[in-house]
Protein backbone atom coordinates (compact mmCIF):
# COMPACT_ATOMS: atom_id res chain seq x y z
CA MET A 1 92.51 95.76 87.67
CA LYS A 2 92.58 97.55 84.32
CA LEU A 3 95.65 99.47 85.51
CA VAL A 4 97.47 96.22 86.38
CA LYS A 5 96.63 94.82 82.96
CA GLU A 6 97.95 97.93 81.22
CA VAL A 7 101.16 98.00 83.28
CA ILE A 8 101.87 94.35 82.52
CA ASP A 9 101.11 94.81 78.82
CA VAL A 10 103.44 97.82 78.50
CA ALA A 11 106.21 96.08 80.47
CA ARG A 12 105.85 93.03 78.25
CA SER A 13 106.02 95.17 75.10
CA LYS A 14 109.32 96.57 76.38
CA GLY A 15 110.75 93.07 76.84
CA ALA A 16 110.20 92.63 80.58
CA PHE A 17 109.60 89.11 81.83
CA ARG A 18 109.00 89.96 85.49
CA LEU A 19 107.81 92.89 87.62
CA ILE A 20 108.31 93.55 91.31
CA ALA A 21 105.32 94.75 93.33
CA PHE A 22 104.69 95.89 96.91
CA THR A 23 101.10 95.93 98.04
CA ALA A 24 98.65 94.93 100.73
CA VAL A 25 98.27 91.17 101.13
CA GLY A 26 94.65 91.36 99.97
CA ASN A 27 95.67 92.82 96.61
CA GLU A 28 98.22 90.04 96.12
CA ARG A 29 95.52 87.46 96.88
CA LEU A 30 93.18 89.11 94.38
CA LEU A 31 95.83 88.86 91.64
CA LYS A 32 96.39 85.18 92.47
CA ARG A 33 92.65 84.47 92.32
CA MET A 34 92.55 86.16 88.91
CA GLY A 35 95.21 83.69 87.74
CA VAL A 36 98.20 86.04 87.69
CA ASN A 37 101.46 84.17 88.35
CA THR A 38 102.91 85.76 91.50
CA ARG A 39 105.73 84.65 93.79
CA ARG A 40 106.45 86.18 97.20
CA ILE A 41 109.89 87.58 97.83
CA SER A 42 109.57 87.70 101.61
CA ALA A 43 107.03 87.48 104.40
CA PRO A 44 104.50 90.30 104.86
CA ARG A 45 105.51 93.19 107.11
CA LEU A 46 103.46 95.79 108.92
CA ILE A 47 103.77 99.23 107.36
CA ASP A 48 101.49 101.92 108.79
CA ASN A 49 99.52 99.14 110.50
CA LYS A 50 98.87 97.39 107.17
CA SER A 51 100.26 94.04 106.11
CA VAL A 52 102.39 94.68 103.00
CA VAL A 53 104.11 92.01 100.93
CA PRO A 54 106.75 92.23 98.16
CA PHE A 55 106.29 89.79 95.29
CA TRP A 56 107.22 89.08 91.69
CA ILE A 57 104.65 89.19 88.92
CA GLU A 58 105.83 86.78 86.26
CA ILE A 59 104.99 87.94 82.75
CA ASP A 60 104.40 84.52 81.27
CA ASP A 61 101.68 82.53 79.52
CA GLU A 62 99.82 82.01 82.81
CA THR A 63 99.63 85.74 83.53
CA THR A 64 98.89 86.88 79.98
CA SER A 65 96.15 84.27 79.66
CA ALA A 66 94.59 85.26 83.00
CA LEU A 67 94.50 88.92 81.93
CA SER A 68 93.34 88.09 78.38
CA LEU A 69 96.35 89.81 76.84
CA THR A 70 97.18 89.20 73.20
CA ARG A 71 100.17 86.93 72.81
CA ARG A 72 103.16 88.58 71.17
CA LEU A 73 106.27 87.41 69.45
CA THR A 74 109.51 89.30 69.97
CA VAL A 75 112.01 89.32 67.15
CA ILE A 76 115.55 90.13 68.23
CA GLN A 77 117.99 91.25 65.57
CA LEU A 78 121.71 91.45 66.25
CA HIS A 79 123.71 94.09 64.37
CA ARG A 80 127.48 94.68 64.23
CA TYR A 81 128.69 98.26 64.15
CA GLY A 82 132.13 99.80 63.82
CA GLN A 83 134.74 97.89 65.85
CA GLY A 84 132.62 94.77 66.12
CA GLU A 85 130.23 96.30 68.65
CA LEU A 86 127.22 94.01 68.87
CA VAL A 87 123.87 95.75 69.37
CA ALA A 88 120.54 93.98 69.88
CA LYS A 89 117.33 95.50 68.62
CA SER A 90 113.96 93.96 69.38
CA GLN A 91 110.62 94.30 67.67
CA VAL A 92 107.36 93.09 69.15
CA LEU A 93 104.89 91.45 66.79
CA HIS A 94 101.41 90.14 67.43
CA ASP A 95 101.00 86.37 67.37
CA PRO A 96 100.13 85.21 63.84
CA GLY A 97 97.23 83.26 65.36
CA ASP A 98 95.58 86.47 66.57
CA ASP A 99 93.05 88.45 64.55
CA VAL A 100 95.05 91.68 64.81
CA TRP A 101 98.50 92.14 63.29
């Protein structure tokens, strides 16, 4: 599950709020039992004689807490360039309540 934790942490640091996953039903159940917030997209289907299910992994407080990820704050700055073009830049910061900044 370390790989799942790392994938979710990197996605979150890039501003993602949801991931899509396709896996065996047992792996989805394992994530749910761990406390990860998942939501099925459709019913399981047999692929190579294995029951596979597509689902969303919500990157929210429930999931980050279940995986013991450090909470982060994202600061979004809007900048105007040239002909009024609006560009958003984001910066991820650690939560001020955490030990690490």
